[in-house]
């Protein structure tokens, strides 16, 4: 049975691998598809798609040698995606968008707005850390992590590599975590706005890893109900750190509100040690039929919004 991974990060946000390296790893893992869902950016998508297209052409031409294990090599689909950070009742809620029209002018402008918001936040955070005696600036972060959307993960790497902390976890605990002295929140959209934006871009909005938000069952149910009304199409029901009870709960919520299930490792490379593409912490398994159902849901959703077109 073919497998997929619908939640993956590159070094264009806070992952450690380039988009092309992700494609090579996905081929090695025998994935039939993966979604590149970097935080608030789509900068890595063209590179990933180009790398996958080149691989698929070589495979079709018979230039790819058969793997040592004897199983046939698979063509690879790269799904253009994004992960939006939103805010709901003072909680950081993440909304995935799959199959987005990332080149649409309105979408590109909205992404630029997010970049501008992050830049302002980063400048303020660097100023605070400078007052604490650290040699850090937003320009230094950009130079250290070229081409990346700077996140707190980059701060942690920088502070660790420069000897200000003994671990990345310490960086969050002492300096940049949600409740740490030098954390600066940035302006965020609501989950509903993110869902609507993704649908406007003809994509599939998915509520990412809900158990991680530590919401009460009542509040989570209310959020899912609201987002379903806004156009939410899926819930991340299969995820690297879930317990069996978490997956059952997410599947139950999806069924209650007529949503598809999705699944992803949330792979970041060395940023999240021990968490692997496709297999998570060793038990993750996302069958290709999950993606097939999502594609069907997207066709139906687009059909409803564009009457007269045939499925």
Protein backbone atom coordinates (compact mmCIF):
# COMPACT_ATOMS: atom_id res chain seq x y z
CA UNK A 1 0.00 0.00 0.00
CA UNK A 2 1.32 3.43 -0.96
CA UNK A 3 1.90 6.00 1.78
CA UNK A 4 1.84 9.80 1.95
CA UNK A 5 2.86 12.56 4.35
CA UNK A 6 0.72 15.70 4.33
CA UNK A 7 2.58 17.88 6.84
CA UNK A 8 6.25 18.55 6.06
CA UNK A 9 8.63 21.50 6.59
CA UNK A 10 11.75 22.63 4.74
CA UNK A 11 14.48 25.12 5.55
CA UNK A 12 12.33 27.82 3.98
CA UNK A 13 10.68 27.99 7.41
CA UNK A 14 12.04 26.06 10.40
CA UNK A 15 13.02 22.71 8.89
CA UNK A 16 16.62 21.70 8.22
CA UNK A 17 16.40 20.19 4.71
CA UNK A 18 16.08 22.04 1.44
CA UNK A 19 12.96 21.35 -0.66
CA UNK A 20 15.09 19.33 -3.09
CA UNK A 21 16.53 17.27 -0.23
CA UNK A 22 12.99 16.57 0.97
CA UNK A 23 12.12 15.21 -2.47
CA UNK A 24 15.15 12.91 -2.38
CA UNK A 25 14.21 11.70 1.10
CA UNK A 26 10.59 11.15 0.07
CA UNK A 27 11.80 9.01 -2.84
CA UNK A 28 14.01 7.05 -0.46
CA UNK A 29 11.04 6.53 1.89
CA UNK A 30 8.90 5.39 -1.08
CA UNK A 31 6.26 8.04 -0.54
CA UNK A 32 3.79 8.53 -3.37
CA UNK A 33 3.12 12.13 -2.24
CA UNK A 34 4.04 14.70 0.36
CA UNK A 35 2.78 18.19 1.12
CA UNK A 36 5.28 20.98 1.68
CA UNK A 37 3.61 23.04 4.41
CA UNK A 38 6.12 25.61 5.59
CA UNK A 39 5.07 28.19 8.16
CA UNK A 40 3.43 31.21 6.52
CA UNK A 41 5.49 30.88 3.32
CA UNK A 42 5.32 29.14 -0.04
CA UNK A 43 8.89 29.96 -1.09
CA UNK A 44 10.02 26.34 -1.21
CA UNK A 45 7.22 25.00 -3.38
CA UNK A 46 8.68 25.74 -6.85
CA UNK A 47 11.99 24.06 -5.97
CA UNK A 48 10.24 20.97 -4.58
CA UNK A 49 7.93 20.64 -7.57
CA UNK A 50 10.83 21.06 -10.00
CA UNK A 51 12.89 18.41 -8.19
CA UNK A 52 9.95 16.00 -8.20
CA UNK A 53 9.23 16.65 -11.89
CA UNK A 54 12.85 15.94 -12.78
CA UNK A 55 12.79 12.71 -10.78
CA UNK A 56 9.50 11.61 -12.35
CA UNK A 57 10.82 12.28 -15.86
CA UNK A 58 13.95 10.23 -15.19
CA UNK A 59 11.83 7.46 -13.69
CA UNK A 60 9.53 7.43 -16.72
CA UNK A 61 12.50 7.32 -19.06
CA UNK A 62 13.92 4.32 -17.23
CA UNK A 63 16.94 6.18 -15.91
CA UNK A 64 16.26 5.39 -12.25
CA UNK A 65 17.84 2.06 -11.22
CA UNK A 66 15.60 -0.34 -9.28
CA UNK A 67 15.97 -0.10 -5.49
CA UNK A 68 18.05 -2.70 -3.67
CA UNK A 69 14.98 -4.02 -1.85
CA UNK A 70 13.44 -5.03 -5.18
CA UNK A 71 10.23 -3.00 -4.90
CA UNK A 72 9.52 -0.76 -7.89
CA UNK A 73 10.30 2.95 -7.60
CA UNK A 74 7.23 5.18 -7.35
CA UNK A 75 6.45 8.49 -9.04
CA UNK A 76 6.25 11.32 -6.50
CA UNK A 77 3.61 14.04 -6.17
CA UNK A 78 4.51 17.27 -4.37
CA UNK A 79 1.44 19.01 -2.97
CA UNK A 80 1.73 22.80 -2.66
CA UNK A 81 0.81 23.72 0.89
CA UNK A 82 1.27 26.09 3.80
CA UNK A 83 0.79 26.15 7.57
CA UNK A 84 -0.80 29.30 8.97
CA UNK A 85 -0.31 30.32 12.59
CA UNK A 86 -3.58 31.76 13.88
CA UNK A 87 -4.97 32.80 17.24
CA UNK A 88 -8.15 31.61 18.96
CA UNK A 89 -8.98 32.42 22.57
CA UNK A 90 -5.31 33.20 23.29
CA UNK A 91 -4.18 29.86 21.84
CA UNK A 92 -1.89 29.36 18.85
CA UNK A 93 -3.94 27.34 16.35
CA UNK A 94 -2.41 26.03 13.12
CA UNK A 95 -4.34 25.67 9.87
CA UNK A 96 -2.86 23.69 6.99
CA UNK A 97 -3.69 24.53 3.40
CA UNK A 98 -3.18 21.84 0.73
CA UNK A 99 -3.34 22.29 -3.06
CA UNK A 100 -3.37 26.06 -2.70
CA UNK A 101 -3.04 28.34 -5.71
CA UNK A 102 0.11 29.81 -4.22
CA UNK A 103 0.80 32.01 -7.26
CA UNK A 104 -2.51 33.89 -7.07
CA UNK A 105 -1.78 37.63 -6.59
CA UNK A 106 -4.16 38.04 -3.64
CA UNK A 107 -2.58 35.05 -1.91
CA UNK A 108 0.96 36.29 -2.50
CA UNK A 109 0.00 39.68 -1.03
CA UNK A 110 -1.44 38.06 2.07
CA UNK A 111 1.76 36.05 2.53
CA UNK A 112 3.75 39.29 2.25
CA UNK A 113 1.56 40.76 4.99
CA UNK A 114 2.49 37.82 7.21
CA UNK A 115 6.17 38.30 6.40
CA UNK A 116 5.94 41.99 7.31
CA UNK A 117 4.26 41.12 10.61
CA UNK A 118 6.98 38.57 11.41
CA UNK A 119 9.71 41.09 10.55
CA UNK A 120 8.34 43.65 13.00
CA UNK A 121 8.06 41.00 15.72
CA UNK A 122 11.58 39.75 15.07
CA UNK A 123 13.06 43.23 15.28
CA UNK A 124 11.42 43.75 18.67
CA UNK A 125 12.58 40.34 19.96
CA UNK A 126 16.15 41.00 18.85
CA UNK A 127 16.12 44.38 20.60
CA UNK A 128 15.04 42.69 23.85
CA UNK A 129 17.73 40.01 23.58
CA UNK A 130 20.31 42.68 22.86
CA UNK A 131 19.34 44.39 26.11
CA UNK A 132 20.01 41.05 27.81
CA UNK A 133 23.59 41.25 26.54
CA UNK A 134 23.36 39.00 23.49
CA UNK A 135 25.03 39.75 20.19
CA UNK A 136 22.00 39.17 17.96
CA UNK A 137 20.15 41.17 15.32
CA UNK A 138 17.49 40.43 12.75
CA UNK A 139 20.11 40.87 10.01
CA UNK A 140 22.39 38.34 11.71
CA UNK A 141 19.52 35.84 11.83
CA UNK A 142 18.82 36.37 8.14
CA UNK A 143 22.49 35.95 7.30
CA UNK A 144 22.71 32.77 9.38
CA UNK A 145 19.52 31.29 7.89
CA UNK A 146 19.37 32.71 4.34
CA UNK A 147 16.10 32.34 2.49
CA UNK A 148 14.17 31.24 5.59
CA UNK A 149 11.13 32.73 7.26
CA UNK A 150 12.62 33.42 10.68
CA UNK A 151 10.77 31.61 13.48
CA UNK A 152 11.54 31.07 17.14
CA UNK A 153 13.18 27.80 16.15
CA UNK A 154 15.85 29.85 14.39
CA UNK A 155 16.36 31.95 17.51
CA UNK A 156 16.87 28.79 19.53
CA UNK A 157 19.42 27.44 17.05
CA UNK A 158 21.26 30.78 17.02
CA UNK A 159 21.39 31.11 20.80
CA UNK A 160 22.56 27.51 21.15
CA UNK A 161 25.24 27.75 18.45
CA UNK A 162 26.60 30.96 20.00
CA UNK A 163 26.80 29.50 23.48
CA UNK A 164 24.09 31.56 25.15
CA UNK A 165 22.15 28.42 26.12
CA UNK A 166 23.06 24.77 26.63
CA UNK A 167 20.13 23.47 24.58
CA UNK A 168 17.41 24.70 22.27
CA UNK A 169 14.87 23.81 24.95
CA UNK A 170 16.63 26.18 27.35
CA UNK A 171 16.32 28.99 24.79
CA UNK A 172 12.55 28.60 24.83
CA UNK A 173 12.33 28.20 28.59
CA UNK A 174 14.48 31.21 29.49
CA UNK A 175 14.13 33.62 26.59
CA UNK A 176 11.67 33.06 23.74
CA UNK A 177 8.89 30.73 24.93
CA UNK A 178 5.31 31.95 25.13
CA UNK A 179 5.74 33.00 28.76
CA UNK A 180 9.42 33.99 28.62
CA UNK A 181 10.62 37.55 29.17
CA UNK A 182 11.72 38.30 25.61
CA UNK A 183 8.86 36.73 23.69
CA UNK A 184 6.96 39.19 21.50
CA UNK A 185 3.65 38.04 20.01
CA UNK A 186 2.83 39.03 16.47
CA UNK A 187 -0.46 39.99 14.92
CA UNK A 188 -2.24 36.87 13.72
CA UNK A 189 -5.31 36.07 11.71
CA UNK A 190 -8.09 33.97 13.21
CA UNK A 191 -8.56 30.31 12.27
CA UNK A 192 -11.73 31.27 10.39
CA UNK A 193 -9.85 33.85 8.32
CA UNK A 194 -7.16 31.30 7.46
CA UNK A 195 -9.77 28.72 6.41
CA UNK A 196 -11.52 31.26 4.22
CA UNK A 197 -8.25 32.41 2.67
CA UNK A 198 -7.27 28.83 1.79
CA UNK A 199 -10.66 28.15 0.24
CA UNK A 200 -10.39 31.39 -1.76
CA UNK A 201 -7.11 29.99 -3.07
CA UNK A 202 -8.97 26.78 -4.07
CA UNK A 203 -7.16 24.78 -1.40
CA UNK A 204 -8.06 22.27 1.29
CA UNK A 205 -8.12 23.79 4.81
CA UNK A 206 -7.20 21.34 7.57
CA UNK A 207 -7.12 21.86 11.32
CA UNK A 208 -3.62 20.75 12.32
CA UNK A 209 -2.86 18.53 15.34
CA UNK A 210 -5.82 19.63 17.59
CA UNK A 211 -4.76 17.55 20.65
CA UNK A 212 -1.64 19.69 20.97
CA UNK A 213 -3.74 22.75 21.85
CA UNK A 214 -4.86 21.23 25.17
CA UNK A 215 -8.41 22.51 24.70
CA UNK A 216 -11.40 21.09 26.50
CA UNK A 217 -13.54 18.75 24.43
CA UNK A 218 -16.33 21.34 24.51
CA UNK A 219 -14.13 24.18 23.24
CA UNK A 220 -12.53 22.04 20.55
CA UNK A 221 -15.94 20.86 19.37
CA UNK A 222 -17.11 24.48 19.17
CA UNK A 223 -14.03 25.46 17.16
CA UNK A 224 -14.44 22.60 14.69
CA UNK A 225 -18.13 23.38 14.28
CA UNK A 226 -17.36 27.03 13.51
CA UNK A 227 -14.56 26.20 11.09
CA UNK A 228 -16.68 23.60 9.30
CA UNK A 229 -19.15 26.39 8.62
CA UNK A 230 -16.31 28.53 7.26
CA UNK A 231 -15.19 25.87 4.79
CA UNK A 232 -12.89 23.56 6.76
CA UNK A 233 -12.52 20.27 4.86
CA UNK A 234 -10.34 18.17 7.13
CA UNK A 235 -8.85 17.39 10.54
CA UNK A 236 -5.36 16.06 11.11
CA UNK A 237 -6.40 12.75 12.66
CA UNK A 238 -3.10 10.89 12.08
CA UNK A 239 -0.04 12.52 13.61
CA UNK A 240 3.38 11.58 14.92
CA UNK A 241 2.78 12.19 18.64
CA UNK A 242 -0.83 11.01 18.95
CA UNK A 243 -1.94 8.33 21.33
CA UNK A 244 -4.59 5.90 19.99
CA UNK A 245 -7.22 7.81 21.98
CA UNK A 246 -6.23 11.06 20.24
CA UNK A 247 -6.71 9.53 16.81
CA UNK A 248 -10.08 8.06 17.80
CA UNK A 249 -11.21 11.45 19.10
CA UNK A 250 -10.13 13.25 15.91
CA UNK A 251 -11.81 10.69 13.69
CA UNK A 252 -14.99 11.06 15.74
CA UNK A 253 -14.94 14.85 15.37
CA UNK A 254 -14.35 14.54 11.63
CA UNK A 255 -17.31 12.18 11.27
CA UNK A 256 -19.54 14.43 13.40
CA UNK A 257 -18.98 17.44 11.15
CA UNK A 258 -18.65 15.68 7.79
CA UNK A 259 -14.92 16.33 7.44
CA UNK A 260 -12.13 14.28 5.92
CA UNK A 261 -9.21 13.05 7.94
CA UNK A 262 -5.66 14.06 7.11
CA UNK A 263 -2.31 12.93 8.40
CA UNK A 264 1.25 14.12 8.62
CA UNK A 265 4.52 13.66 10.43
CA UNK A 266 5.23 17.38 10.94
CA UNK A 267 8.76 16.53 9.81
CA UNK A 268 11.37 19.24 10.44
CA UNK A 269 14.60 17.30 9.97
CA UNK A 270 17.23 17.89 12.66
CA UNK A 271 15.04 20.57 14.25
CA UNK A 272 12.93 17.75 15.70
CA UNK A 273 15.41 14.92 16.43
CA UNK A 274 14.02 11.41 16.18
CA UNK A 275 10.98 12.41 14.14
CA UNK A 276 11.21 10.91 10.64
CA UNK A 277 9.49 11.73 7.38
CA UNK A 278 6.58 9.34 6.74
CA UNK A 279 7.01 7.29 9.93
CA UNK A 280 7.14 9.97 12.64
CA UNK A 281 8.47 8.39 15.81
CA UNK A 282 8.21 4.95 14.26
CA UNK A 283 4.52 4.10 14.28
CA UNK A 284 3.07 6.65 11.85
CA UNK A 285 1.32 5.27 8.77
CA UNK A 286 -0.74 7.41 6.39
CA UNK A 287 -2.27 5.42 3.53
CA UNK A 288 -2.65 7.05 0.13
CA UNK A 289 -6.43 6.70 0.40
CA UNK A 290 -6.38 9.60 2.89
CA UNK A 291 -5.13 11.84 0.10
CA UNK A 292 -7.60 10.37 -2.38
CA UNK A 293 -10.53 11.26 -0.10
CA UNK A 294 -9.20 14.79 0.39
CA UNK A 295 -8.95 15.30 -3.38
CA UNK A 296 -12.54 14.12 -3.78
CA UNK A 297 -13.70 16.52 -1.06
CA UNK A 298 -11.91 19.38 -2.80
CA UNK A 299 -13.59 18.62 -6.12
CA UNK A 300 -17.00 18.59 -4.45
CA UNK A 301 -16.29 21.82 -2.58
CA UNK A 302 -15.20 23.56 -5.77
CA UNK A 303 -18.25 22.20 -7.57
CA UNK A 304 -20.55 23.75 -4.96
CA UNK A 305 -18.86 27.11 -5.33
CA UNK A 306 -18.81 26.95 -9.14
CA UNK A 307 -22.17 25.50 -10.21
CA UNK A 308 -22.42 24.32 -13.77
CA UNK A 309 -18.96 22.74 -13.89
CA UNK A 310 -18.74 18.97 -14.15
CA UNK A 311 -16.86 16.90 -11.62
